[in-house]
Amino acid sequence: ITHQFNYVLIVYILNILIVSLNLVVYF
């Protein structure tokens, strides 16, 4: 929303991917 396309966004995306893998493993 704030158009802050920087390395912090990449860290957010990496974290959500790993947590999403935990979701897959849960099921």
mmCIF file of all heavy atoms, coordinates in Angstrom:
data_MODEL
# 
_entry.id   MODEL 
# 
loop_
_atom_site.group_PDB 
_atom_site.id 
_atom_site.type_symbol 
_atom_site.label_atom_id 
_atom_site.label_alt_id 
_atom_site.label_comp_id 
_atom_site.label_asym_id 
_atom_site.label_entity_id 
_atom_site.label_seq_id 
_atom_site.pdbx_PDB_ins_code 
_atom_site.Cartn_x 
_atom_site.Cartn_y 
_atom_site.Cartn_z 
_atom_site.occupancy 
_atom_site.B_iso_or_equiv 
_atom_site.pdbx_formal_charge 
_atom_site.auth_seq_id 
_atom_site.auth_comp_id 
_atom_site.auth_asym_id 
_atom_site.auth_atom_id 
_atom_site.pdbx_PDB_model_num 
ATOM 1   N N   . ILE A 1 1  ? 0.832  -1.213  0.000  1.00 0.00 ? 1  ILE A N   1 
ATOM 2   C CA  . ILE A 1 1  ? 0.000  0.000   0.000  1.00 0.00 ? 1  ILE A CA  1 
ATOM 3   C C   . ILE A 1 1  ? 0.861  1.255   0.000  1.00 0.00 ? 1  ILE A C   1 
ATOM 4   O O   . ILE A 1 1  ? 0.551  2.238   -0.685 1.00 0.00 ? 1  ILE A O   1 
ATOM 5   C CB  . ILE A 1 1  ? -0.968 -0.006  1.202  1.00 0.00 ? 1  ILE A CB  1 
ATOM 6   C CG1 . ILE A 1 1  ? -2.049 -1.070  0.986  1.00 0.00 ? 1  ILE A CG1 1 
ATOM 7   C CG2 . ILE A 1 1  ? -1.596 1.367   1.426  1.00 0.00 ? 1  ILE A CG2 1 
ATOM 8   C CD1 . ILE A 1 1  ? -2.895 -1.372  2.209  1.00 0.00 ? 1  ILE A CD1 1 
ATOM 9   N N   . THR A 1 2  ? 1.975  1.214   0.757  1.00 0.00 ? 2  THR A N   1 
ATOM 10  C CA  . THR A 1 2  ? 2.853  2.390   0.833  1.00 0.00 ? 2  THR A CA  1 
ATOM 11  C C   . THR A 1 2  ? 3.931  2.392   -0.262 1.00 0.00 ? 2  THR A C   1 
ATOM 12  O O   . THR A 1 2  ? 4.788  3.273   -0.266 1.00 0.00 ? 2  THR A O   1 
ATOM 13  C CB  . THR A 1 2  ? 3.533  2.472   2.215  1.00 0.00 ? 2  THR A CB  1 
ATOM 14  O OG1 . THR A 1 2  ? 4.291  1.277   2.443  1.00 0.00 ? 2  THR A OG1 1 
ATOM 15  C CG2 . THR A 1 2  ? 2.505  2.667   3.324  1.00 0.00 ? 2  THR A CG2 1 
ATOM 16  N N   . HIS A 1 3  ? 3.866  1.403   -1.144 1.00 0.00 ? 3  HIS A N   1 
ATOM 17  C CA  . HIS A 1 3  ? 4.829  1.277   -2.252 1.00 0.00 ? 3  HIS A CA  1 
ATOM 18  C C   . HIS A 1 3  ? 6.272  1.200   -1.766 1.00 0.00 ? 3  HIS A C   1 
ATOM 19  O O   . HIS A 1 3  ? 7.182  1.746   -2.391 1.00 0.00 ? 3  HIS A O   1 
ATOM 20  C CB  . HIS A 1 3  ? 4.668  2.424   -3.255 1.00 0.00 ? 3  HIS A CB  1 
ATOM 21  C CG  . HIS A 1 3  ? 3.298  2.511   -3.841 1.00 0.00 ? 3  HIS A CG  1 
ATOM 22  N ND1 . HIS A 1 3  ? 2.823  1.625   -4.772 1.00 0.00 ? 3  HIS A ND1 1 
ATOM 23  C CD2 . HIS A 1 3  ? 2.272  3.363   -3.592 1.00 0.00 ? 3  HIS A CD2 1 
ATOM 24  C CE1 . HIS A 1 3  ? 1.578  1.930   -5.082 1.00 0.00 ? 3  HIS A CE1 1 
ATOM 25  N NE2 . HIS A 1 3  ? 1.213  2.983   -4.383 1.00 0.00 ? 3  HIS A NE2 1 
ATOM 26  N N   . GLN A 1 4  ? 6.484  0.507   -0.644 1.00 0.00 ? 4  GLN A N   1 
ATOM 27  C CA  . GLN A 1 4  ? 7.833  0.320   -0.115 1.00 0.00 ? 4  GLN A CA  1 
ATOM 28  C C   . GLN A 1 4  ? 8.356  -1.043  -0.570 1.00 0.00 ? 4  GLN A C   1 
ATOM 29  O O   . GLN A 1 4  ? 8.379  -2.009  0.173  1.00 0.00 ? 4  GLN A O   1 
ATOM 30  C CB  . GLN A 1 4  ? 7.828  0.405   1.414  1.00 0.00 ? 4  GLN A CB  1 
ATOM 31  C CG  . GLN A 1 4  ? 7.519  1.773   1.932  1.00 0.00 ? 4  GLN A CG  1 
ATOM 32  C CD  . GLN A 1 4  ? 7.559  1.817   3.455  1.00 0.00 ? 4  GLN A CD  1 
ATOM 33  O OE1 . GLN A 1 4  ? 7.741  0.808   4.121  1.00 0.00 ? 4  GLN A OE1 1 
ATOM 34  N NE2 . GLN A 1 4  ? 7.394  3.006   4.000  1.00 0.00 ? 4  GLN A NE2 1 
ATOM 35  N N   . PHE A 1 5  ? 8.753  -1.094  -1.819 1.00 0.00 ? 5  PHE A N   1 
ATOM 36  C CA  . PHE A 1 5  ? 9.262  -2.326  -2.410 1.00 0.00 ? 5  PHE A CA  1 
ATOM 37  C C   . PHE A 1 5  ? 10.768 -2.401  -2.154 1.00 0.00 ? 5  PHE A C   1 
ATOM 38  O O   . PHE A 1 5  ? 11.563 -1.870  -2.921 1.00 0.00 ? 5  PHE A O   1 
ATOM 39  C CB  . PHE A 1 5  ? 8.971  -2.363  -3.917 1.00 0.00 ? 5  PHE A CB  1 
ATOM 40  C CG  . PHE A 1 5  ? 7.510  -2.183  -4.228 1.00 0.00 ? 5  PHE A CG  1 
ATOM 41  C CD1 . PHE A 1 5  ? 7.039  -1.019  -4.822 1.00 0.00 ? 5  PHE A CD1 1 
ATOM 42  C CD2 . PHE A 1 5  ? 6.596  -3.176  -3.920 1.00 0.00 ? 5  PHE A CD2 1 
ATOM 43  C CE1 . PHE A 1 5  ? 5.702  -0.857  -5.113 1.00 0.00 ? 5  PHE A CE1 1 
ATOM 44  C CE2 . PHE A 1 5  ? 5.249  -3.034  -4.207 1.00 0.00 ? 5  PHE A CE2 1 
ATOM 45  C CZ  . PHE A 1 5  ? 4.799  -1.863  -4.804 1.00 0.00 ? 5  PHE A CZ  1 
ATOM 46  N N   . ASN A 1 6  ? 11.130 -3.020  -1.025 1.00 0.00 ? 6  ASN A N   1 
ATOM 47  C CA  . ASN A 1 6  ? 12.536 -3.103  -0.650 1.00 0.00 ? 6  ASN A CA  1 
ATOM 48  C C   . ASN A 1 6  ? 12.829 -4.479  -0.064 1.00 0.00 ? 6  ASN A C   1 
ATOM 49  O O   . ASN A 1 6  ? 11.991 -5.378  -0.097 1.00 0.00 ? 6  ASN A O   1 
ATOM 50  C CB  . ASN A 1 6  ? 12.883 -1.984  0.344  1.00 0.00 ? 6  ASN A CB  1 
ATOM 51  C CG  . ASN A 1 6  ? 11.954 -1.975  1.543  1.00 0.00 ? 6  ASN A CG  1 
ATOM 52  O OD1 . ASN A 1 6  ? 11.533 -3.032  2.018  1.00 0.00 ? 6  ASN A OD1 1 
ATOM 53  N ND2 . ASN A 1 6  ? 11.634 -0.791  2.027  1.00 0.00 ? 6  ASN A ND2 1 
ATOM 54  N N   . TYR A 1 7  ? 14.024 -4.633  0.469  1.00 0.00 ? 7  TYR A N   1 
ATOM 55  C CA  . TYR A 1 7  ? 14.461 -5.930  0.993  1.00 0.00 ? 7  TYR A CA  1 
ATOM 56  C C   . TYR A 1 7  ? 13.607 -6.409  2.163  1.00 0.00 ? 7  TYR A C   1 
ATOM 57  O O   . TYR A 1 7  ? 13.511 -7.600  2.416  1.00 0.00 ? 7  TYR A O   1 
ATOM 58  C CB  . TYR A 1 7  ? 15.938 -5.883  1.384  1.00 0.00 ? 7  TYR A CB  1 
ATOM 59  C CG  . TYR A 1 7  ? 16.270 -4.873  2.453  1.00 0.00 ? 7  TYR A CG  1 
ATOM 60  C CD1 . TYR A 1 7  ? 16.296 -5.242  3.787  1.00 0.00 ? 7  TYR A CD1 1 
ATOM 61  C CD2 . TYR A 1 7  ? 16.547 -3.550  2.123  1.00 0.00 ? 7  TYR A CD2 1 
ATOM 62  C CE1 . TYR A 1 7  ? 16.595 -4.332  4.781  1.00 0.00 ? 7  TYR A CE1 1 
ATOM 63  C CE2 . TYR A 1 7  ? 16.850 -2.629  3.108  1.00 0.00 ? 7  TYR A CE2 1 
ATOM 64  C CZ  . TYR A 1 7  ? 16.868 -3.009  4.427  1.00 0.00 ? 7  TYR A CZ  1 
ATOM 65  O OH  . TYR A 1 7  ? 17.163 -2.102  5.392  1.00 0.00 ? 7  TYR A OH  1 
ATOM 66  N N   . VAL A 1 8  ? 12.963 -5.505  2.893  1.00 0.00 ? 8  VAL A N   1 
ATOM 67  C CA  . VAL A 1 8  ? 12.101 -5.906  4.015  1.00 0.00 ? 8  VAL A CA  1 
ATOM 68  C C   . VAL A 1 8  ? 10.916 -6.713  3.482  1.00 0.00 ? 8  VAL A C   1 
ATOM 69  O O   . VAL A 1 8  ? 10.513 -7.709  4.089  1.00 0.00 ? 8  VAL A O   1 
ATOM 70  C CB  . VAL A 1 8  ? 11.622 -4.678  4.816  1.00 0.00 ? 8  VAL A CB  1 
ATOM 71  C CG1 . VAL A 1 8  ? 10.686 -5.091  5.948  1.00 0.00 ? 8  VAL A CG1 1 
ATOM 72  C CG2 . VAL A 1 8  ? 12.812 -3.905  5.374  1.00 0.00 ? 8  VAL A CG2 1 
ATOM 73  N N   . LEU A 1 9  ? 10.396 -6.314  2.345  1.00 0.00 ? 9  LEU A N   1 
ATOM 74  C CA  . LEU A 1 9  ? 9.291  -7.046  1.717  1.00 0.00 ? 9  LEU A CA  1 
ATOM 75  C C   . LEU A 1 9  ? 9.726  -8.473  1.382  1.00 0.00 ? 9  LEU A C   1 
ATOM 76  O O   . LEU A 1 9  ? 8.953  -9.426  1.571  1.00 0.00 ? 9  LEU A O   1 
ATOM 77  C CB  . LEU A 1 9  ? 8.812  -6.316  0.453  1.00 0.00 ? 9  LEU A CB  1 
ATOM 78  C CG  . LEU A 1 9  ? 7.647  -6.938  -0.302 1.00 0.00 ? 9  LEU A CG  1 
ATOM 79  C CD1 . LEU A 1 9  ? 6.403  -7.035  0.576  1.00 0.00 ? 9  LEU A CD1 1 
ATOM 80  C CD2 . LEU A 1 9  ? 7.341  -6.118  -1.551 1.00 0.00 ? 9  LEU A CD2 1 
ATOM 81  N N   . ILE A 1 10 ? 10.956 -8.628  0.947  1.00 0.00 ? 10 ILE A N   1 
ATOM 82  C CA  . ILE A 1 10 ? 11.484 -9.968  0.640  1.00 0.00 ? 10 ILE A CA  1 
ATOM 83  C C   . ILE A 1 10 ? 11.525 -10.830 1.904  1.00 0.00 ? 10 ILE A C   1 
ATOM 84  O O   . ILE A 1 10 ? 11.159 -12.005 1.873  1.00 0.00 ? 10 ILE A O   1 
ATOM 85  C CB  . ILE A 1 10 ? 12.883 -9.866  -0.012 1.00 0.00 ? 10 ILE A CB  1 
ATOM 86  C CG1 . ILE A 1 10 ? 12.766 -9.201  -1.379 1.00 0.00 ? 10 ILE A CG1 1 
ATOM 87  C CG2 . ILE A 1 10 ? 13.547 -11.231 -0.130 1.00 0.00 ? 10 ILE A CG2 1 
ATOM 88  C CD1 . ILE A 1 10 ? 14.075 -8.774  -1.989 1.00 0.00 ? 10 ILE A CD1 1 
ATOM 89  N N   . VAL A 1 11 ? 11.918 -10.236 3.022  1.00 0.00 ? 11 VAL A N   1 
ATOM 90  C CA  . VAL A 1 11 ? 11.966 -10.984 4.288  1.00 0.00 ? 11 VAL A CA  1 
ATOM 91  C C   . VAL A 1 11 ? 10.557 -11.389 4.703  1.00 0.00 ? 11 VAL A C   1 
ATOM 92  O O   . VAL A 1 11 ? 10.332 -12.523 5.142  1.00 0.00 ? 11 VAL A O   1 
ATOM 93  C CB  . VAL A 1 11 ? 12.666 -10.167 5.393  1.00 0.00 ? 11 VAL A CB  1 
ATOM 94  C CG1 . VAL A 1 11 ? 12.688 -10.939 6.704  1.00 0.00 ? 11 VAL A CG1 1 
ATOM 95  C CG2 . VAL A 1 11 ? 14.085 -9.799  4.973  1.00 0.00 ? 11 VAL A CG2 1 
ATOM 96  N N   . TYR A 1 12 ? 9.590  -10.492 4.562  1.00 0.00 ? 12 TYR A N   1 
ATOM 97  C CA  . TYR A 1 12 ? 8.191  -10.841 4.846  1.00 0.00 ? 12 TYR A CA  1 
ATOM 98  C C   . TYR A 1 12 ? 7.753  -12.036 3.988  1.00 0.00 ? 12 TYR A C   1 
ATOM 99  O O   . TYR A 1 12 ? 7.131  -12.970 4.487  1.00 0.00 ? 12 TYR A O   1 
ATOM 100 C CB  . TYR A 1 12 ? 7.256  -9.669  4.529  1.00 0.00 ? 12 TYR A CB  1 
ATOM 101 C CG  . TYR A 1 12 ? 7.033  -8.694  5.658  1.00 0.00 ? 12 TYR A CG  1 
ATOM 102 C CD1 . TYR A 1 12 ? 7.527  -7.400  5.596  1.00 0.00 ? 12 TYR A CD1 1 
ATOM 103 C CD2 . TYR A 1 12 ? 6.282  -9.050  6.780  1.00 0.00 ? 12 TYR A CD2 1 
ATOM 104 C CE1 . TYR A 1 12 ? 7.307  -6.485  6.610  1.00 0.00 ? 12 TYR A CE1 1 
ATOM 105 C CE2 . TYR A 1 12 ? 6.053  -8.147  7.799  1.00 0.00 ? 12 TYR A CE2 1 
ATOM 106 C CZ  . TYR A 1 12 ? 6.564  -6.866  7.707  1.00 0.00 ? 12 TYR A CZ  1 
ATOM 107 O OH  . TYR A 1 12 ? 6.340  -5.968  8.714  1.00 0.00 ? 12 TYR A OH  1 
ATOM 108 N N   . ILE A 1 13 ? 8.073  -11.992 2.717  1.00 0.00 ? 13 ILE A N   1 
ATOM 109 C CA  . ILE A 1 13 ? 7.650  -13.055 1.801  1.00 0.00 ? 13 ILE A CA  1 
ATOM 110 C C   . ILE A 1 13 ? 8.321  -14.384 2.160  1.00 0.00 ? 13 ILE A C   1 
ATOM 111 O O   . ILE A 1 13 ? 7.664  -15.428 2.176  1.00 0.00 ? 13 ILE A O   1 
ATOM 112 C CB  . ILE A 1 13 ? 7.915  -12.641 0.335  1.00 0.00 ? 13 ILE A CB  1 
ATOM 113 C CG1 . ILE A 1 13 ? 6.973  -11.494 -0.049 1.00 0.00 ? 13 ILE A CG1 1 
ATOM 114 C CG2 . ILE A 1 13 ? 7.745  -13.825 -0.611 1.00 0.00 ? 13 ILE A CG2 1 
ATOM 115 C CD1 . ILE A 1 13 ? 7.293  -10.810 -1.353 1.00 0.00 ? 13 ILE A CD1 1 
ATOM 116 N N   . LEU A 1 14 ? 9.602  -14.352 2.481  1.00 0.00 ? 14 LEU A N   1 
ATOM 117 C CA  . LEU A 1 14 ? 10.289 -15.591 2.899  1.00 0.00 ? 14 LEU A CA  1 
ATOM 118 C C   . LEU A 1 14 ? 9.658  -16.173 4.161  1.00 0.00 ? 14 LEU A C   1 
ATOM 119 O O   . LEU A 1 14 ? 9.421  -17.383 4.255  1.00 0.00 ? 14 LEU A O   1 
ATOM 120 C CB  . LEU A 1 14 ? 11.774 -15.320 3.135  1.00 0.00 ? 14 LEU A CB  1 
ATOM 121 C CG  . LEU A 1 14 ? 12.617 -15.080 1.891  1.00 0.00 ? 14 LEU A CG  1 
ATOM 122 C CD1 . LEU A 1 14 ? 14.030 -14.649 2.294  1.00 0.00 ? 14 LEU A CD1 1 
ATOM 123 C CD2 . LEU A 1 14 ? 12.667 -16.324 1.028  1.00 0.00 ? 14 LEU A CD2 1 
ATOM 124 N N   . ASN A 1 15 ? 9.356  -15.313 5.124  1.00 0.00 ? 15 ASN A N   1 
ATOM 125 C CA  . ASN A 1 15 ? 8.745  -15.776 6.362  1.00 0.00 ? 15 ASN A CA  1 
ATOM 126 C C   . ASN A 1 15 ? 7.366  -16.381 6.126  1.00 0.00 ? 15 ASN A C   1 
ATOM 127 O O   . ASN A 1 15 ? 7.047  -17.446 6.665  1.00 0.00 ? 15 ASN A O   1 
ATOM 128 C CB  . ASN A 1 15 ? 8.656  -14.644 7.385  1.00 0.00 ? 15 ASN A CB  1 
ATOM 129 C CG  . ASN A 1 15 ? 9.982  -14.330 8.034  1.00 0.00 ? 15 ASN A CG  1 
ATOM 130 O OD1 . ASN A 1 15 ? 10.974 -15.020 7.819  1.00 0.00 ? 15 ASN A OD1 1 
ATOM 131 N ND2 . ASN A 1 15 ? 10.015 -13.287 8.841  1.00 0.00 ? 15 ASN A ND2 1 
ATOM 132 N N   . ILE A 1 16 ? 6.547  -15.726 5.321  1.00 0.00 ? 16 ILE A N   1 
ATOM 133 C CA  . ILE A 1 16 ? 5.199  -16.248 5.092  1.00 0.00 ? 16 ILE A CA  1 
ATOM 134 C C   . ILE A 1 16 ? 5.258  -17.570 4.324  1.00 0.00 ? 16 ILE A C   1 
ATOM 135 O O   . ILE A 1 16 ? 4.439  -18.460 4.538  1.00 0.00 ? 16 ILE A O   1 
ATOM 136 C CB  . ILE A 1 16 ? 4.273  -15.216 4.407  1.00 0.00 ? 16 ILE A CB  1 
ATOM 137 C CG1 . ILE A 1 16 ? 2.800  -15.628 4.607  1.00 0.00 ? 16 ILE A CG1 1 
ATOM 138 C CG2 . ILE A 1 16 ? 4.583  -15.064 2.936  1.00 0.00 ? 16 ILE A CG2 1 
ATOM 139 C CD1 . ILE A 1 16 ? 1.809  -14.563 4.197  1.00 0.00 ? 16 ILE A CD1 1 
ATOM 140 N N   . LEU A 1 17 ? 6.242  -17.717 3.447  1.00 0.00 ? 17 LEU A N   1 
ATOM 141 C CA  . LEU A 1 17 ? 6.390  -18.982 2.732  1.00 0.00 ? 17 LEU A CA  1 
ATOM 142 C C   . LEU A 1 17 ? 6.727  -20.126 3.685  1.00 0.00 ? 17 LEU A C   1 
ATOM 143 O O   . LEU A 1 17 ? 6.149  -21.216 3.601  1.00 0.00 ? 17 LEU A O   1 
ATOM 144 C CB  . LEU A 1 17 ? 7.458  -18.869 1.643  1.00 0.00 ? 17 LEU A CB  1 
ATOM 145 C CG  . LEU A 1 17 ? 7.086  -18.039 0.421  1.00 0.00 ? 17 LEU A CG  1 
ATOM 146 C CD1 . LEU A 1 17 ? 8.291  -17.876 -0.491 1.00 0.00 ? 17 LEU A CD1 1 
ATOM 147 C CD2 . LEU A 1 17 ? 5.926  -18.663 -0.324 1.00 0.00 ? 17 LEU A CD2 1 
ATOM 148 N N   . ILE A 1 18 ? 7.633  -19.881 4.608  1.00 0.00 ? 18 ILE A N   1 
ATOM 149 C CA  . ILE A 1 18 ? 8.027  -20.928 5.553  1.00 0.00 ? 18 ILE A CA  1 
ATOM 150 C C   . ILE A 1 18 ? 6.882  -21.258 6.508  1.00 0.00 ? 18 ILE A C   1 
ATOM 151 O O   . ILE A 1 18 ? 6.616  -22.420 6.803  1.00 0.00 ? 18 ILE A O   1 
ATOM 152 C CB  . ILE A 1 18 ? 9.309  -20.535 6.307  1.00 0.00 ? 18 ILE A CB  1 
ATOM 153 C CG1 . ILE A 1 18 ? 10.471 -20.462 5.315  1.00 0.00 ? 18 ILE A CG1 1 
ATOM 154 C CG2 . ILE A 1 18 ? 9.624  -21.536 7.411  1.00 0.00 ? 18 ILE A CG2 1 
ATOM 155 C CD1 . ILE A 1 18 ? 11.738 -19.875 5.871  1.00 0.00 ? 18 ILE A CD1 1 
ATOM 156 N N   . VAL A 1 19 ? 6.166  -20.232 6.966  1.00 0.00 ? 19 VAL A N   1 
ATOM 157 C CA  . VAL A 1 19 ? 5.018  -20.490 7.847  1.00 0.00 ? 19 VAL A CA  1 
ATOM 158 C C   . VAL A 1 19 ? 3.934  -21.227 7.065  1.00 0.00 ? 19 VAL A C   1 
ATOM 159 O O   . VAL A 1 19 ? 3.277  -22.122 7.607  1.00 0.00 ? 19 VAL A O   1 
ATOM 160 C CB  . VAL A 1 19 ? 4.480  -19.183 8.466  1.00 0.00 ? 19 VAL A CB  1 
ATOM 161 C CG1 . VAL A 1 19 ? 3.224  -19.445 9.286  1.00 0.00 ? 19 VAL A CG1 1 
ATOM 162 C CG2 . VAL A 1 19 ? 5.539  -18.535 9.339  1.00 0.00 ? 19 VAL A CG2 1 
ATOM 163 N N   . SER A 1 20 ? 3.766  -20.913 5.802  1.00 0.00 ? 20 SER A N   1 
ATOM 164 C CA  . SER A 1 20 ? 2.788  -21.621 4.968  1.00 0.00 ? 20 SER A CA  1 
ATOM 165 C C   . SER A 1 20 ? 3.177  -23.087 4.796  1.00 0.00 ? 20 SER A C   1 
ATOM 166 O O   . SER A 1 20 ? 2.304  -23.964 4.746  1.00 0.00 ? 20 SER A O   1 
ATOM 167 C CB  . SER A 1 20 ? 2.654  -20.941 3.608  1.00 0.00 ? 20 SER A CB  1 
ATOM 168 O OG  . SER A 1 20 ? 2.122  -19.642 3.778  1.00 0.00 ? 20 SER A OG  1 
ATOM 169 N N   . LEU A 1 21 ? 4.468  -23.363 4.736  1.00 0.00 ? 21 LEU A N   1 
ATOM 170 C CA  . LEU A 1 21 ? 4.909  -24.763 4.699  1.00 0.00 ? 21 LEU A CA  1 
ATOM 171 C C   . LEU A 1 21 ? 4.535  -25.480 5.991  1.00 0.00 ? 21 LEU A C   1 
ATOM 172 O O   . LEU A 1 21 ? 4.160  -26.649 5.974  1.00 0.00 ? 21 LEU A O   1 
ATOM 173 C CB  . LEU A 1 21 ? 6.417  -24.844 4.459  1.00 0.00 ? 21 LEU A CB  1 
ATOM 174 C CG  . LEU A 1 21 ? 6.892  -24.528 3.048  1.00 0.00 ? 21 LEU A CG  1 
ATOM 175 C CD1 . LEU A 1 21 ? 8.417  -24.502 2.995  1.00 0.00 ? 21 LEU A CD1 1 
ATOM 176 C CD2 . LEU A 1 21 ? 6.341  -25.526 2.053  1.00 0.00 ? 21 LEU A CD2 1 
ATOM 177 N N   . ASN A 1 22 ? 4.613  -24.765 7.120  1.00 0.00 ? 22 ASN A N   1 
ATOM 178 C CA  . ASN A 1 22 ? 4.153  -25.333 8.389  1.00 0.00 ? 22 ASN A CA  1 
ATOM 179 C C   . ASN A 1 22 ? 2.665  -25.659 8.324  1.00 0.00 ? 22 ASN A C   1 
ATOM 180 O O   . ASN A 1 22 ? 2.222  -26.659 8.884  1.00 0.00 ? 22 ASN A O   1 
ATOM 181 C CB  . ASN A 1 22 ? 4.419  -24.367 9.547  1.00 0.00 ? 22 ASN A CB  1 
ATOM 182 C CG  . ASN A 1 22 ? 5.746  -24.599 10.205 1.00 0.00 ? 22 ASN A CG  1 
ATOM 183 O OD1 . ASN A 1 22 ? 5.957  -25.618 10.832 1.00 0.00 ? 22 ASN A OD1 1 
ATOM 184 N ND2 . ASN A 1 22 ? 6.648  -23.643 10.065 1.00 0.00 ? 22 ASN A ND2 1 
ATOM 185 N N   . LEU A 1 23 ? 1.899  -24.830 7.629  1.00 0.00 ? 23 LEU A N   1 
ATOM 186 C CA  . LEU A 1 23 ? 0.469  -25.089 7.454  1.00 0.00 ? 23 LEU A CA  1 
ATOM 187 C C   . LEU A 1 23 ? 0.254  -26.368 6.655  1.00 0.00 ? 23 LEU A C   1 
ATOM 188 O O   . LEU A 1 23 ? -0.583 -27.209 7.012  1.00 0.00 ? 23 LEU A O   1 
ATOM 189 C CB  . LEU A 1 23 ? -0.197 -23.894 6.765  1.00 0.00 ? 23 LEU A CB  1 
ATOM 190 C CG  . LEU A 1 23 ? -1.707 -23.961 6.581  1.00 0.00 ? 23 LEU A CG  1 
ATOM 191 C CD1 . LEU A 1 23 ? -2.415 -23.995 7.930  1.00 0.00 ? 23 LEU A CD1 1 
ATOM 192 C CD2 . LEU A 1 23 ? -2.168 -22.763 5.765  1.00 0.00 ? 23 LEU A CD2 1 
ATOM 193 N N   . VAL A 1 24 ? 1.026  -26.544 5.591  1.00 0.00 ? 24 VAL A N   1 
ATOM 194 C CA  . VAL A 1 24 ? 0.933  -27.764 4.778  1.00 0.00 ? 24 VAL A CA  1 
ATOM 195 C C   . VAL A 1 24 ? 1.298  -28.984 5.626  1.00 0.00 ? 24 VAL A C   1 
ATOM 196 O O   . VAL A 1 24 ? 0.585  -30.001 5.606  1.00 0.00 ? 24 VAL A O   1 
ATOM 197 C CB  . VAL A 1 24 ? 1.854  -27.665 3.536  1.00 0.00 ? 24 VAL A CB  1 
ATOM 198 C CG1 . VAL A 1 24 ? 1.953  -28.992 2.812  1.00 0.00 ? 24 VAL A CG1 1 
ATOM 199 C CG2 . VAL A 1 24 ? 1.356  -26.568 2.598  1.00 0.00 ? 24 VAL A CG2 1 
ATOM 200 N N   . VAL A 1 25 ? 2.368  -28.881 6.380  1.00 0.00 ? 25 VAL A N   1 
ATOM 201 C CA  . VAL A 1 25 ? 2.801  -29.991 7.240  1.00 0.00 ? 25 VAL A CA  1 
ATOM 202 C C   . VAL A 1 25 ? 1.734  -30.291 8.292  1.00 0.00 ? 25 VAL A C   1 
ATOM 203 O O   . VAL A 1 25 ? 1.499  -31.446 8.632  1.00 0.00 ? 25 VAL A O   1 
ATOM 204 C CB  . VAL A 1 25 ? 4.173  -29.692 7.885  1.00 0.00 ? 25 VAL A CB  1 
ATOM 205 C CG1 . VAL A 1 25 ? 4.523  -30.710 8.962  1.00 0.00 ? 25 VAL A CG1 1 
ATOM 206 C CG2 . VAL A 1 25 ? 5.248  -29.662 6.814  1.00 0.00 ? 25 VAL A CG2 1 
ATOM 207 N N   . TYR A 1 26 ? 1.053  -29.266 8.790  1.00 0.00 ? 26 TYR A N   1 
ATOM 208 C CA  . TYR A 1 26 ? -0.023 -29.478 9.760  1.00 0.00 ? 26 TYR A CA  1 
ATOM 209 C C   . TYR A 1 26 ? -1.079 -30.418 9.171  1.00 0.00 ? 26 TYR A C   1 
ATOM 210 O O   . TYR A 1 26 ? -1.491 -31.381 9.812  1.00 0.00 ? 26 TYR A O   1 
ATOM 211 C CB  . TYR A 1 26 ? -0.668 -28.149 10.164 1.00 0.00 ? 26 TYR A CB  1 
ATOM 212 C CG  . TYR A 1 26 ? -1.921 -28.347 10.989 1.00 0.00 ? 26 TYR A CG  1 
ATOM 213 C CD1 . TYR A 1 26 ? -1.829 -28.561 12.356 1.00 0.00 ? 26 TYR A CD1 1 
ATOM 214 C CD2 . TYR A 1 26 ? -3.177 -28.354 10.393 1.00 0.00 ? 26 TYR A CD2 1 
ATOM 215 C CE1 . TYR A 1 26 ? -2.969 -28.764 13.119 1.00 0.00 ? 26 TYR A CE1 1 
ATOM 216 C CE2 . TYR A 1 26 ? -4.320 -28.560 11.145 1.00 0.00 ? 26 TYR A CE2 1 
ATOM 217 C CZ  . TYR A 1 26 ? -4.206 -28.768 12.503 1.00 0.00 ? 26 TYR A CZ  1 
ATOM 218 O OH  . TYR A 1 26 ? -5.344 -28.995 13.254 1.00 0.00 ? 26 TYR A OH  1 
ATOM 219 N N   . PHE A 1 27 ? -1.525 -30.123 7.951  1.00 0.00 ? 27 PHE A N   1 
ATOM 220 C CA  . PHE A 1 27 ? -2.578 -30.944 7.339  1.00 0.00 ? 27 PHE A CA  1 
ATOM 221 C C   . PHE A 1 27 ? -2.072 -32.344 6.982  1.00 0.00 ? 27 PHE A C   1 
ATOM 222 O O   . PHE A 1 27 ? -2.813 -33.325 7.112  1.00 0.00 ? 27 PHE A O   1 
ATOM 223 C CB  . PHE A 1 27 ? -3.193 -30.233 6.133  1.00 0.00 ? 27 PHE A CB  1 
ATOM 224 C CG  . PHE A 1 27 ? -4.095 -29.102 6.542  1.00 0.00 ? 27 PHE A CG  1 
ATOM 225 C CD1 . PHE A 1 27 ? -3.727 -27.791 6.326  1.00 0.00 ? 27 PHE A CD1 1 
ATOM 226 C CD2 . PHE A 1 27 ? -5.302 -29.351 7.176  1.00 0.00 ? 27 PHE A CD2 1 
ATOM 227 C CE1 . PHE A 1 27 ? -4.544 -26.744 6.720  1.00 0.00 ? 27 PHE A CE1 1 
ATOM 228 C CE2 . PHE A 1 27 ? -6.131 -28.317 7.578  1.00 0.00 ? 27 PHE A CE2 1 
ATOM 229 C CZ  . PHE A 1 27 ? -5.750 -27.008 7.349  1.00 0.00 ? 27 PHE A CZ  1 
# 
